[in-house]
Protein backbone atom coordinates (compact mmCIF):
# COMPACT_ATOMS: atom_id res chain seq x y z
CA MET A 1 135.41 100.18 111.96
CA PRO A 2 132.62 102.56 113.06
CA ASP A 3 129.76 100.08 112.48
CA PRO A 4 129.44 96.30 112.32
CA ILE A 5 130.03 94.91 108.85
CA VAL A 6 129.10 91.72 107.07
CA THR A 7 131.46 90.65 104.30
CA ILE A 8 130.15 88.55 101.43
CA ASN A 9 132.54 86.44 99.39
CA LEU A 10 131.18 86.63 95.84
CA ALA A 11 133.69 84.12 94.51
CA LEU A 12 132.32 81.50 96.92
CA ILE A 13 128.72 82.32 95.93
CA GLU A 14 129.66 81.75 92.30
CA HIS A 15 131.48 78.54 93.27
CA ASN A 16 128.52 77.21 95.28
CA ALA A 17 126.04 78.13 92.54
CA ARG A 18 128.12 76.31 89.96
CA ALA A 19 128.37 73.21 92.17
CA VAL A 20 124.57 73.12 92.69
CA VAL A 21 123.79 73.84 89.03
CA THR A 22 126.20 71.16 87.79
CA ARG A 23 124.81 68.48 90.11
CA CYS A 24 121.20 69.42 89.36
CA ALA A 25 121.82 69.38 85.61
CA ARG A 26 122.78 65.70 85.84
CA GLY A 27 119.25 65.06 87.09
CA GLY A 28 117.58 67.23 84.47
CA ILE A 29 116.89 69.99 86.99
CA GLN A 30 117.35 73.72 86.40
CA VAL A 31 118.12 76.01 89.33
CA TYR A 32 116.70 79.41 90.21
CA GLY A 33 118.96 81.25 92.65
CA VAL A 34 117.10 82.68 95.65
CA THR A 35 118.45 86.14 96.51
CA LYS A 36 116.13 87.06 99.40
CA GLY A 37 118.78 86.08 101.98
CA ALA A 38 120.97 88.85 100.55
CA CYS A 39 118.07 91.34 100.21
CA GLY A 40 118.28 91.17 96.43
CA MET A 41 121.83 92.52 96.35
CA PRO A 42 122.70 92.83 92.64
CA THR A 43 126.32 91.78 93.10
CA VAL A 44 125.17 88.58 94.79
CA ALA A 45 122.65 87.98 92.00
CA ARG A 46 125.34 88.43 89.36
CA ALA A 47 127.58 85.94 91.18
CA MET A 48 124.74 83.40 91.10
CA LEU A 49 124.19 84.07 87.41
CA ARG A 50 127.91 83.63 86.72
CA GLY A 51 127.57 80.30 88.50
CA GLY A 52 124.95 79.23 85.97
CA VAL A 53 121.54 79.62 87.61
CA ALA A 54 118.72 79.79 85.06
CA GLY A 55 116.96 82.68 86.81
CA LEU A 56 116.50 84.41 90.15
CA ALA A 57 113.84 84.02 92.82
CA GLU A 58 112.82 86.72 95.30
CA SER A 59 110.10 87.38 97.86
CA ARG A 60 110.19 91.19 98.08
CA PHE A 61 109.15 93.68 95.41
CA GLU A 62 111.72 96.17 96.68
CA ASN A 63 114.48 93.64 96.05
CA ILE A 64 113.18 92.83 92.57
CA ARG A 65 113.14 96.52 91.69
CA ARG A 66 116.70 96.73 92.98
CA LEU A 67 117.71 93.90 90.66
CA ARG A 68 115.92 95.39 87.66
CA ALA A 69 117.39 98.85 88.31
CA SER A 70 120.81 97.25 88.15
CA GLY A 71 120.15 95.99 84.64
CA ILE A 72 119.54 92.35 85.57
CA ASP A 73 117.09 91.18 82.91
CA CYS A 74 117.04 87.41 83.48
CA LYS A 75 113.80 85.66 84.45
CA ILE A 76 112.73 86.51 88.00
CA MET A 77 110.30 84.45 90.06
CA LEU A 78 108.26 85.90 92.95
CA LEU A 79 108.27 83.39 95.78
CA ARG A 80 105.07 84.47 97.46
CA SER A 81 101.64 85.67 96.43
CA PRO A 82 101.41 89.48 96.12
CA PRO A 83 99.12 91.80 98.09
CA MET A 84 96.18 92.88 95.95
CA VAL A 85 97.46 96.47 95.71
CA ARG A 86 100.75 95.30 94.14
CA ILE A 87 99.37 93.01 91.46
CA GLU A 88 100.04 95.44 88.61
CA GLU A 89 103.61 95.81 89.85
CA LEU A 90 103.88 92.01 89.86
CA ILE A 91 102.83 91.78 86.23
CA ARG A 92 105.18 94.54 85.10
CA ILE A 93 108.43 93.39 86.75
CA VAL A 94 108.07 89.66 87.49
CA ASP A 95 108.17 86.84 84.95
CA VAL A 96 106.56 84.04 86.97
CA SER A 97 105.03 83.84 90.44
CA LEU A 98 103.99 81.14 92.90
CA GLN A 99 100.23 81.17 93.48
CA SER A 100 97.76 79.21 95.58
CA GLU A 101 94.62 81.35 96.01
CA LEU A 102 91.95 81.74 93.33
CA PRO A 103 90.82 85.28 94.25
CA VAL A 104 94.40 86.51 93.84
CA ILE A 105 94.82 84.64 90.55
CA ARG A 106 91.57 86.11 89.23
CA GLU A 107 92.75 89.62 90.09
CA ILE A 108 96.09 88.95 88.41
CA SER A 109 94.21 87.87 85.29
CA ARG A 110 91.97 90.97 85.31
CA THR A 111 94.91 93.31 85.74
CA ALA A 112 97.02 91.54 83.14
CA GLU A 113 94.19 91.76 80.60
CA ARG A 114 93.77 95.46 81.32
CA ILE A 115 97.43 96.23 80.55
CA GLY A 116 97.65 93.79 77.65
CA ARG A 117 99.78 91.04 79.19
CA VAL A 118 99.64 87.40 80.25
CA HIS A 119 101.29 86.46 83.54
CA ASP A 120 102.84 83.04 84.16
CA ILE A 121 102.04 81.24 87.41
CA ILE A 122 103.18 78.11 89.22
CA LEU A 123 100.39 76.55 91.27
CA MET A 124 101.66 75.55 94.71
CA VAL A 125 100.47 72.29 96.25
CA ASP A 126 100.48 71.72 100.02
CA LEU A 127 102.04 68.30 100.65
CA GLY A 128 102.04 68.51 104.43
CA ASP A 129 104.24 71.44 105.50
CA LEU A 130 101.06 73.50 106.01
CA ARG A 131 102.43 76.79 104.81
CA GLU A 132 101.00 77.98 101.45
CA GLY A 133 99.57 75.65 98.85
CA ILE A 134 96.40 74.20 97.33
CA TRP A 135 95.16 71.08 99.08
CA PRO A 136 95.81 68.15 96.66
CA ASN A 137 92.13 67.23 96.31
CA ASP A 138 91.37 70.78 95.17
CA LEU A 139 94.17 71.09 92.61
CA LEU A 140 92.34 69.95 89.46
CA PRO A 141 89.21 72.06 90.15
CA VAL A 142 91.45 75.11 90.67
CA VAL A 143 93.30 74.32 87.43
CA GLU A 144 90.01 74.17 85.54
CA ASP A 145 88.97 77.54 86.93
CA VAL A 146 92.32 79.11 86.04
CA MET A 147 92.15 77.72 82.51
CA ASN A 148 89.15 79.96 81.94
CA LEU A 149 91.18 83.09 82.77
CA SER A 150 92.86 84.70 79.78
CA GLY A 151 95.29 86.93 81.71
CA VAL A 152 97.24 84.11 83.36
CA ARG A 153 98.99 81.00 82.12
CA ILE A 154 99.78 77.91 84.21
CA VAL A 155 103.43 77.02 83.59
CA GLY A 156 104.04 74.63 86.47
CA VAL A 157 103.26 73.15 89.84
CA GLY A 158 105.46 73.37 92.90
CA VAL A 159 105.83 72.66 96.59
CA ASN A 160 107.36 74.25 99.68
CA LEU A 161 108.79 72.00 102.38
CA MET A 162 110.83 72.58 105.56
CA CYS A 163 109.65 76.20 105.69
CA PHE A 164 107.01 76.01 108.42
CA GLY A 165 106.10 72.47 109.46
CA GLY A 166 109.64 71.10 109.03
CA ILE A 167 108.39 68.39 106.67
CA MET A 168 111.36 66.96 104.80
CA PRO A 169 111.48 66.27 101.07
CA THR A 170 111.17 62.51 100.54
CA VAL A 171 110.80 60.13 97.65
CA ASP A 172 107.12 59.83 98.55
CA ASN A 173 106.16 63.53 98.55
CA MET A 174 108.29 64.26 95.46
CA ASN A 175 106.54 61.41 93.64
CA GLN A 176 103.23 62.91 94.74
CA LEU A 177 104.20 66.27 93.21
CA VAL A 178 105.21 64.64 89.92
CA ALA A 179 101.94 62.68 89.86
CA HIS A 180 99.93 65.88 90.40
CA ALA A 181 101.84 67.56 87.58
CA TYR A 182 101.13 64.69 85.21
CA LYS A 183 97.42 64.80 86.12
CA VAL A 184 97.32 68.51 85.32
CA GLU A 185 99.00 67.91 81.96
CA ALA A 186 96.65 65.02 81.15
CA ARG A 187 93.53 66.98 82.09
CA THR A 188 94.49 70.22 80.29
CA GLY A 189 96.84 69.20 77.49
CA LEU A 190 99.36 71.69 78.85
CA HIS A 191 103.09 71.05 78.97
CA LEU A 192 104.35 72.27 82.34
CA ASP A 193 107.72 73.99 82.20
CA PHE A 194 108.14 73.79 85.98
CA ILE A 195 107.73 70.86 88.32
CA SER A 196 109.39 72.71 91.18
CA GLY A 197 110.46 70.42 93.99
CA GLY A 198 111.23 72.98 96.66
CA GLY A 199 114.46 74.61 97.71
CA SER A 200 117.82 73.79 99.23
CA SER A 201 116.24 71.21 101.52
CA SER A 202 115.62 69.00 98.47
CA LEU A 203 119.32 68.79 97.58
CA PRO A 204 120.18 65.90 99.98
CA LEU A 205 117.56 63.79 98.19
CA LEU A 206 119.17 64.68 94.87
CA VAL A 207 122.75 64.11 96.05
CA SER A 208 121.81 60.69 97.46
CA GLY A 209 120.43 59.70 94.04
CA ASP A 210 116.85 59.33 95.32
CA MET A 211 115.20 62.32 93.62
CA PRO A 212 112.34 60.92 91.49
CA PRO A 213 112.41 61.59 87.74
CA GLY A 214 110.15 64.42 86.66
CA ILE A 215 111.29 67.12 89.09
CA ASN A 216 112.87 69.72 86.83
CA ASN A 217 113.27 72.85 88.99
CA LEU A 218 114.64 73.79 92.41
CA ARG A 219 114.70 77.22 94.04
CA VAL A 220 118.01 77.30 95.89
CA GLY A 221 119.16 79.98 98.30
CA GLU A 222 120.69 78.61 101.51
CA ALA A 223 122.95 76.07 99.81
CA ILE A 224 124.41 78.78 97.58
CA LEU A 225 124.61 81.53 100.20
CA GLN A 226 125.68 79.39 103.14
CA GLY A 227 127.12 76.28 101.55
CA GLY A 228 124.32 74.07 102.84
CA ALA A 229 125.18 74.48 106.52
CA GLU A 230 121.50 74.02 107.39
CA THR A 231 120.71 71.79 104.45
CA PHE A 232 123.27 69.03 105.02
CA HIS A 233 123.77 69.60 108.80
CA ASP A 234 126.23 67.05 110.23
CA ALA A 235 127.30 65.65 106.86
CA PRO A 236 128.37 68.63 104.72
CA TRP A 237 128.34 68.22 100.97
CA PRO A 238 132.04 68.65 100.03
CA PRO A 239 131.53 70.69 96.82
CA LEU A 240 129.98 73.56 98.83
CA ASP A 241 131.87 76.17 100.85
CA GLN A 242 130.24 77.48 104.04
CA ASN A 243 132.39 80.60 104.48
CA VAL A 244 130.46 83.04 102.32
CA PHE A 245 129.18 85.47 104.99
CA GLN A 246 131.13 86.80 107.97
CA LEU A 247 129.88 89.33 110.52
CA THR A 248 132.45 91.52 112.27
CA ALA A 249 131.83 93.82 115.25
CA GLU A 250 134.07 95.86 117.53
CA LEU A 251 134.69 95.35 121.25
CA LEU A 252 133.55 98.42 123.18
CA GLU A 253 134.31 97.10 126.67
CA VAL A 254 136.48 94.30 128.12
CA LYS A 255 136.31 93.78 131.90
CA LEU A 256 136.59 91.06 134.54
CA LYS A 257 133.11 90.59 136.02
CA PRO A 258 131.14 87.96 137.97
CA SER A 259 129.31 85.43 135.83
CA LEU A 260 126.13 85.86 137.93
CA PRO A 261 124.27 89.21 137.94
CA ILE A 262 123.98 90.85 141.36
CA GLY A 263 120.58 91.67 142.83
CA LYS A 264 116.97 90.57 142.43
CA THR A 265 116.31 89.00 139.02
CA GLY A 266 113.30 90.08 136.97
CA PHE A 267 112.42 90.22 133.31
CA ASP A 268 114.96 91.36 130.75
CA ALA A 269 114.24 93.99 128.06
CA PHE A 270 112.51 91.35 125.92
CA GLY A 271 110.18 89.95 128.57
CA ASN A 272 112.27 86.89 129.40
CA VAL A 273 113.67 85.74 132.74
CA PRO A 274 117.40 85.19 132.09
CA ARG A 275 119.22 82.16 133.45
CA PHE A 276 122.93 82.18 134.33
CA VAL A 277 125.51 79.61 135.46
CA ASP A 278 127.99 80.56 138.20
CA GLU A 279 131.46 80.22 136.69
CA GLY A 280 133.14 82.71 138.98
CA ASP A 281 134.76 85.89 137.72
CA ARG A 282 135.16 85.88 133.93
CA LEU A 283 136.58 88.27 131.39
CA ARG A 284 133.67 89.46 129.34
CA GLY A 285 133.34 91.83 126.43
CA ILE A 286 130.65 93.96 124.86
CA ALA A 287 130.47 94.32 121.06
CA ASN A 288 128.59 96.97 119.08
CA ILE A 289 125.76 94.83 117.74
CA GLY A 290 122.56 93.54 119.30
CA ARG A 291 119.13 92.01 118.86
CA GLU A 292 117.98 94.93 116.73
CA ASP A 293 120.50 93.80 114.11
CA VAL A 294 120.87 90.05 114.34
CA MET A 295 119.37 86.83 115.67
CA VAL A 296 121.89 86.32 118.46
CA ASP A 297 121.30 82.57 118.86
CA GLY A 298 122.53 82.12 115.28
CA LEU A 299 126.02 83.57 115.85
CA ILE A 300 129.06 81.27 115.85
CA PRO A 301 132.29 83.04 116.95
CA THR A 302 135.30 82.39 114.72
CA HIS A 303 137.84 83.50 117.36
CA LYS A 304 139.04 80.56 119.44
CA GLY A 305 137.69 80.53 123.00
CA VAL A 306 135.01 83.21 122.53
CA ARG A 307 131.44 82.43 123.63
CA VAL A 308 128.20 84.34 123.08
CA LEU A 309 126.42 84.94 126.40
CA GLY A 310 123.48 87.01 125.20
CA ALA A 311 122.50 90.45 124.01
CA SER A 312 120.41 93.53 124.59
CA SER A 313 118.96 95.50 121.70
CA ASP A 314 122.30 97.21 120.94
CA HIS A 315 125.03 95.22 122.74
CA LEU A 316 126.34 91.70 122.35
CA VAL A 317 127.80 90.20 125.55
CA LEU A 318 130.68 87.76 125.07
CA ASP A 319 132.78 85.54 127.32
CA LEU A 320 136.42 86.30 126.43
CA HIS A 321 138.10 84.53 129.35
CA GLU A 322 139.58 81.79 127.18
CA ALA A 323 140.02 83.84 124.00
CA ASP A 324 143.18 82.81 122.17
CA PRO A 325 144.87 85.16 121.46
CA PRO A 326 143.48 87.52 124.15
CA LEU A 327 141.23 90.36 123.04
CA GLN A 328 141.03 93.98 124.17
CA VAL A 329 138.93 97.09 123.61
CA GLY A 330 138.98 98.13 119.95
CA ASP A 331 139.65 94.63 118.64
CA SER A 332 137.29 93.06 116.12
CA VAL A 333 135.34 89.88 116.75
CA SER A 334 133.93 87.88 113.86
CA PHE A 335 131.11 85.37 113.52
CA LYS A 336 129.69 82.88 111.11
CA MET A 337 125.88 82.90 111.04
CA ASN A 338 123.04 80.50 110.54
CA TYR A 339 120.40 81.39 107.96
CA GLY A 340 118.17 83.27 110.40
CA ALA A 341 121.03 85.40 111.69
CA MET A 342 122.22 86.09 108.16
CA LEU A 343 118.72 87.16 107.08
CA ALA A 344 118.39 89.51 110.06
CA VAL A 345 121.79 91.12 109.67
CA MET A 346 121.33 91.64 105.94
CA THR A 347 118.05 93.41 106.69
CA SER A 348 119.50 95.69 109.37
CA GLU A 349 120.23 99.21 108.15
CA TYR A 350 122.83 99.55 110.91
CA VAL A 351 125.16 96.89 109.52
CA GLU A 352 127.38 97.69 106.55
CA LYS A 353 127.28 95.12 103.73
CA VAL A 354 130.56 94.59 101.90
CA PRO A 355 130.54 92.25 98.89
CA MET A 356 134.13 91.15 98.26
CA ARG A 357 135.87 89.99 95.11
CA GLU A 358 139.37 88.64 95.07
CA ALA A 359 141.60 91.05 93.16
CA PRO A 360 143.35 89.25 90.29
CA HIS A 361 147.03 88.69 90.95
CA ASN A 362 149.00 90.74 88.48
CA ASP A 363 152.78 91.04 88.56
CA GLU A 364 152.95 93.14 85.41
CA PRO A 365 154.15 96.76 85.81
CA PRO A 366 151.39 99.39 85.85
CA SER A 367 150.46 100.41 82.33
CA VAL A 368 148.14 102.86 80.61
CA SER A 369 146.82 103.34 77.09
CA ILE A 370 145.99 106.94 76.21
CA HIS A 371 143.11 107.84 73.88
CA THR A 372 142.22 111.41 72.93
CA LEU A 373 139.59 113.31 70.98
CA GLY A 374 140.05 116.71 69.41
CA ASP A 375 143.41 118.26 70.23
CA ALA A 376 143.72 116.79 73.74
CA ASP A 377 146.82 114.94 72.53
CA LEU A 378 148.53 118.31 72.02
CA VAL A 379 147.84 119.24 75.64
CA PHE A 380 149.33 115.99 76.88
CA ALA A 381 152.34 116.33 74.60
CA LEU A 382 152.97 119.91 75.73
CA HIS A 383 153.03 118.81 79.35
CA ARG A 384 155.05 115.62 78.65
CA LEU A 385 152.44 113.30 80.19
CA SER A 386 153.83 110.03 78.78
CA GLU A 387 157.39 110.90 79.72
CA ARG A 388 156.46 111.92 83.25
CA LEU A 389 154.36 108.75 83.80
CA GLY A 390 157.44 106.74 82.86
CA THR A 391 159.56 108.38 85.55
CA PHE A 392 157.68 106.48 88.26
CA GLY A 393 157.25 103.17 86.46
CA VAL A 394 153.99 103.52 84.51
CA VAL A 395 154.32 102.00 81.04
CA VAL A 396 152.48 103.84 78.26
CA GLN A 397 151.38 101.43 75.53
CA ALA A 398 148.95 101.40 72.64
CA ASP A 399 146.64 98.57 73.70
CA ASP A 400 146.02 95.90 76.36
CA ALA A 401 147.10 98.21 79.18
CA ARG A 402 145.92 97.72 82.72
CA THR A 403 144.24 101.15 82.70
CA ARG A 404 142.66 103.15 79.90
CA LEU A 405 142.89 106.96 79.88
CA ASP A 406 140.52 109.01 77.69
CA ALA A 407 140.54 112.78 77.28
CA GLY A 408 138.40 115.07 75.14
CA PRO A 409 136.69 118.44 74.86
CA ASP A 410 133.52 117.68 76.87
CA ARG A 411 131.80 115.13 79.12
CA ARG A 412 130.86 112.88 76.22
CA ILE A 413 134.37 111.48 76.54
CA ALA A 414 133.11 109.60 79.65
CA TRP A 415 130.53 107.80 77.51
CA ASP A 416 133.14 106.97 74.87
CA ALA A 417 135.45 105.56 77.53
CA LEU A 418 132.85 103.55 79.44
CA LYS A 419 131.14 101.97 76.44
CA ARG A 420 134.55 100.53 75.51
CA SER A 421 135.72 99.43 78.95
CA ALA A 422 132.43 98.26 80.55
CA PRO A 423 131.91 95.12 78.40
CA HIS A 424 135.22 93.78 79.72
CA HIS A 425 133.88 93.79 83.31
CA ASP A 426 130.80 91.99 84.58
CA ALA A 427 130.35 94.67 87.27
CA LEU A 428 131.85 98.14 87.17
CA GLY A 429 131.77 101.12 89.56
CA LEU A 430 131.73 104.79 88.57
CA LEU A 431 133.28 107.70 90.46
CA TRP A 432 131.89 110.89 88.87
CA ILE A 433 133.95 113.91 90.05
CA ASP A 434 132.08 116.81 88.53
CA PRO A 435 129.94 119.79 89.60
CA LEU A 436 127.32 118.75 87.01
CA ALA A 437 125.00 115.73 87.36
CA ALA A 438 124.65 115.42 83.55
CA LEU A 439 121.25 113.74 83.87
CA MET A 440 119.15 115.95 81.58
CA PRO A 441 116.89 114.06 79.13
CA ASP A 442 118.94 112.32 76.46
CA HIS A 443 116.62 113.61 73.72
CA SER A 444 116.78 117.31 74.61
CA GLU A 445 119.90 118.40 72.72
CA ASP A 446 118.03 121.41 71.28
CA GLU A 447 117.56 122.74 74.81
CA TRP A 448 120.65 121.34 76.52
CA PRO A 449 124.16 120.57 75.24
CA ALA A 450 124.63 116.84 74.62
CA GLU A 451 127.23 116.62 77.38
CA HIS A 452 124.50 117.53 79.91
CA ALA A 453 122.89 114.11 79.33
CA VAL A 454 126.02 111.94 79.45
CA LEU A 455 125.48 110.35 82.87
CA ARG A 456 121.84 109.59 82.01
CA ARG A 457 123.00 107.87 78.82
CA ILE A 458 125.59 105.88 80.77
CA MET A 459 123.02 104.77 83.35
CA ASP A 460 120.37 103.89 80.77
CA ARG A 461 122.58 102.04 78.31
CA LEU A 462 125.34 100.35 80.28
CA PRO A 463 123.48 97.99 82.64
CA PRO A 464 124.11 95.26 83.61
CA TYR A 465 127.77 96.29 83.71
CA LEU A 466 126.99 99.34 85.85
CA SER A 467 124.57 99.41 88.79
CA PRO A 468 123.27 102.62 90.44
CA GLU A 469 124.42 101.14 93.74
CA ASN A 470 128.02 101.45 92.55
CA ILE A 471 127.84 105.06 91.28
CA VAL A 472 129.07 108.00 93.36
CA LEU A 473 128.93 111.71 92.48
CA ILE A 474 131.46 113.98 94.18
CA GLY A 475 131.54 117.78 94.12
CA LEU A 476 128.00 118.37 92.82
CA ARG A 477 127.13 122.09 92.67
CA ARG A 478 124.36 122.17 90.08
CA ALA A 479 121.39 119.86 89.58
CA ASP A 480 118.06 120.52 87.91
CA SER A 481 115.03 119.49 90.00
CA ALA A 482 114.35 116.63 87.57
CA GLU A 483 117.95 115.49 87.94
CA ALA A 484 117.61 115.55 91.72
CA GLU A 485 114.57 113.29 91.48
CA VAL A 486 116.48 110.81 89.30
CA LEU A 487 119.38 110.73 91.77
CA LYS A 488 117.01 110.03 94.67
CA ALA A 489 114.88 107.50 92.79
CA ARG A 490 117.86 105.47 91.61
CA GLY A 491 119.61 105.48 94.97
CA ILE A 492 122.83 107.04 93.70
CA LYS A 493 125.18 108.32 96.40
CA VAL A 494 125.91 112.04 96.03
CA TYR A 495 128.38 114.20 97.95
CA THR A 496 127.63 117.85 97.28
CA MET A 497 130.01 120.69 98.07
CA VAL A 498 128.01 121.31 101.25
CA GLU A 499 128.78 117.78 102.46
CA ILE A 500 132.40 118.04 101.41
CA ASP A 501 132.79 121.22 103.45
CA ALA A 502 131.06 119.62 106.45
CA VAL A 503 132.71 116.20 106.47
CA GLY A 504 135.98 116.59 104.58
CA LEU A 505 137.21 114.79 101.48
CA ARG A 506 139.30 112.20 103.31
CA GLN A 507 136.24 110.59 104.91
CA ILE A 508 134.11 111.09 101.80
CA MET A 509 136.68 109.37 99.57
CA ARG A 510 136.89 106.46 101.98
CA GLU A 511 133.12 106.00 101.75
CA ALA A 512 132.95 106.65 98.00
CA LEU A 513 135.68 104.18 97.09
CA ASN A 514 134.03 101.50 99.23
CA ILE A 515 130.83 102.03 97.22
CA VAL A 516 132.42 101.89 93.75
CA THR A 517 134.48 98.81 94.65
CA SER A 518 131.71 96.96 96.52
CA GLY A 519 131.43 93.70 94.61
CA THR A 520 132.75 95.17 91.36
CA SER A 521 135.68 94.03 89.25
CA GLY A 522 136.97 97.60 88.94
CA TYR A 523 135.79 101.18 88.60
CA HIS A 524 135.91 104.11 86.19
CA VAL A 525 136.87 107.63 87.28
CA HIS A 526 135.44 110.63 85.42
CA TYR A 527 136.98 114.04 86.21
CA SER A 528 135.88 117.45 84.98
CA PRO A 529 138.16 120.44 85.75
CA ASP A 530 134.99 122.44 86.48
CA VAL A 531 134.90 120.76 89.90
CA THR A 532 138.20 122.33 91.00
CA ASP A 533 138.75 125.93 92.04
CA MET A 534 141.99 126.77 90.19
CA PRO A 535 143.70 130.12 89.55
CA GLY A 536 142.59 131.46 86.18
CA TRP A 537 139.64 129.06 85.95
CA ILE A 538 136.37 130.78 86.72
CA LYS A 539 134.34 127.60 86.00
CA GLY A 540 135.64 126.02 89.20
CA LEU A 541 134.72 128.83 91.57
CA GLY A 542 133.13 127.39 94.69
CA GLY A 543 134.53 123.92 94.04
CA ILE A 544 137.14 121.78 95.74
CA THR A 545 140.69 123.10 96.03
CA VAL A 546 143.72 121.99 94.03
CA ARG A 547 145.10 120.19 97.06
CA GLU A 548 141.77 118.44 97.67
CA THR A 549 141.74 117.29 94.04
CA HIS A 550 145.18 115.76 94.52
CA GLN A 551 143.85 114.12 97.68
CA VAL A 552 141.01 112.57 95.64
CA MET A 553 143.42 111.21 93.04
CA GLU A 554 145.87 109.95 95.65
CA ALA A 555 143.01 108.07 97.33
CA VAL A 556 142.08 106.52 93.98
CA PHE A 557 145.62 105.27 93.51
CA ALA A 558 145.88 103.97 97.09
CA LYS A 559 142.60 102.03 96.81
CA ARG A 560 143.61 100.43 93.48
CA GLY A 561 140.99 98.96 91.17
CA MET A 562 140.71 101.85 88.70
CA VAL A 563 140.38 100.31 85.23
CA SER A 564 139.71 103.49 83.24
CA LEU A 565 139.75 107.24 83.65
CA SER A 566 138.25 110.05 81.57
CA LEU A 567 138.94 113.79 81.57
CA SER A 568 136.69 116.37 79.96
CA GLN A 569 137.44 119.99 78.91
CA ILE A 570 140.90 118.99 77.67
CA THR A 571 141.57 121.20 74.65
CA SER A 572 144.33 123.55 73.53
CA ALA A 573 142.03 126.42 74.58
CA LEU A 574 142.39 125.38 78.21
CA PRO A 575 144.37 128.03 80.16
CA PRO A 576 148.00 126.76 80.42
CA GLN A 577 147.99 126.74 84.24
CA VAL A 578 144.73 124.77 84.34
CA ALA A 579 146.04 122.28 81.76
CA ALA A 580 149.21 121.83 83.80
CA GLU A 581 147.21 121.16 86.97
CA CYS A 582 145.01 118.60 85.15
CA VAL A 583 148.10 116.69 84.07
CA ASN A 584 149.39 116.84 87.65
CA PHE A 585 146.07 115.39 88.87
CA LEU A 586 146.49 112.54 86.40
CA LEU A 587 149.96 111.82 87.70
CA SER A 588 148.60 111.62 91.26
CA ALA A 589 145.95 109.12 90.12
CA PHE A 590 148.71 106.91 88.71
CA GLY A 591 150.90 107.02 91.81
CA LYS A 592 153.20 110.04 91.63
CA LYS A 593 154.54 110.92 95.08
CA ILE A 594 156.61 113.77 96.47
CA LEU A 595 159.24 111.35 97.84
């Protein structure tokens, strides 16, 4: 484990979202899932949506773009007013935003009119928490001003509580919000779609049965992401699970040391004077995470007997004296986190984020259905593919197999395979093993062969099943400058031949398979023989070796999770030795071993 990691249990996010949505629905309340605590991670958003949330709520434009790029097209709410320079971006990618300042609303209206749109807003009312919000006495005058603006539409009123002043949601302030909403409706004749009674902190009022009628929306993040650990405090709400996020770091040092520092005490690296208690000599450890990555006070060790003593910017100091079982250098230590710690660690670029899905238990023997275009079936028959798969337990069947195998004359076979397999998976990864990016414009078949636009077509037409964050290109040797810009803009991970030569395929495959399986329910592998330098195959010159290709396929089999595989260039015109090697690569992907 080279870097600290935070694992995210997507099944528990879906479970918590469903519990919140079900309880809120009984009170006539719809839920928007707040994704800012997970930095807008698309896999987390999809888990919330599977749990039934009506839409998503975010505070950062970068996160909203991340969600949109992943094909998530549900309604998205911006949780804070935008800077003036980002108002056009707001109108183009956000469905509804929370607003409290007339100059901003006027600029939103002007910009929306200019680009021919109307933007929906929820007017926020300050009911005592003293963060953002219109003072109650000023609400109706503001409403009247906004009604004169043609580029915006008032769709609701809302409140924020517990965010700054620590003011709790109560029957009284919720009734005040409902009363303000009714006044707005009476004065304007509008029907407000949203009377938004805050966030997770409002759930205890709902669960106790005291939420006033009229509240019809909550914006819930913490209760879904952390199971309400900071919402319900000492009396957890049983339907929620608090084990969604777990931070894991590695012990870099374990030594017996005094519990009091030796020498004259001054300020630490953060300007504080540290205080220590003399407990004698204690076994203490140093882990590879610090204040640059996480809010240390929010860490709760999961290992029995471990205590957090403090941290510098890069090191976490732990008391391990009573650790049970004992810990040593190289061991991992794990932590649960409060909301602040979770937010910090999810923001840190030095901590790996690993969304996890439970793999479905399947006792059936491995099976594959084979689909071919052109005369690829003759190639497979000549090299006895079905028979050889059977020798190590892979069942070849017509339909309903665990894995689908497609082969055809060019890269368009990848599109044919994915458009059939993707709808069966709410989130799919793609491992593209090919020297060609295949991102040329989809409409340029007069200039470029159609197969040169296959990956662009896949990326443009298969969301939300396929997110750029779960696509990896391996073996790239050729990319047009426009293709390079697309790869960078969409955040797709690419391993060129230069990187393969420098790092080695073993490490690259470890990283690549983590990306394509991160929060997905499976992944597709596309392989083009052009990527491999094989005897008698000039197209592969400068590519990976035959042995490296087997290493790639063996890693795919070892990782599991492959739901479909496509091969291009498979025709009877393929040189016999190249065709034989391609079949051998397939066998490696399905588990063939030397012994």
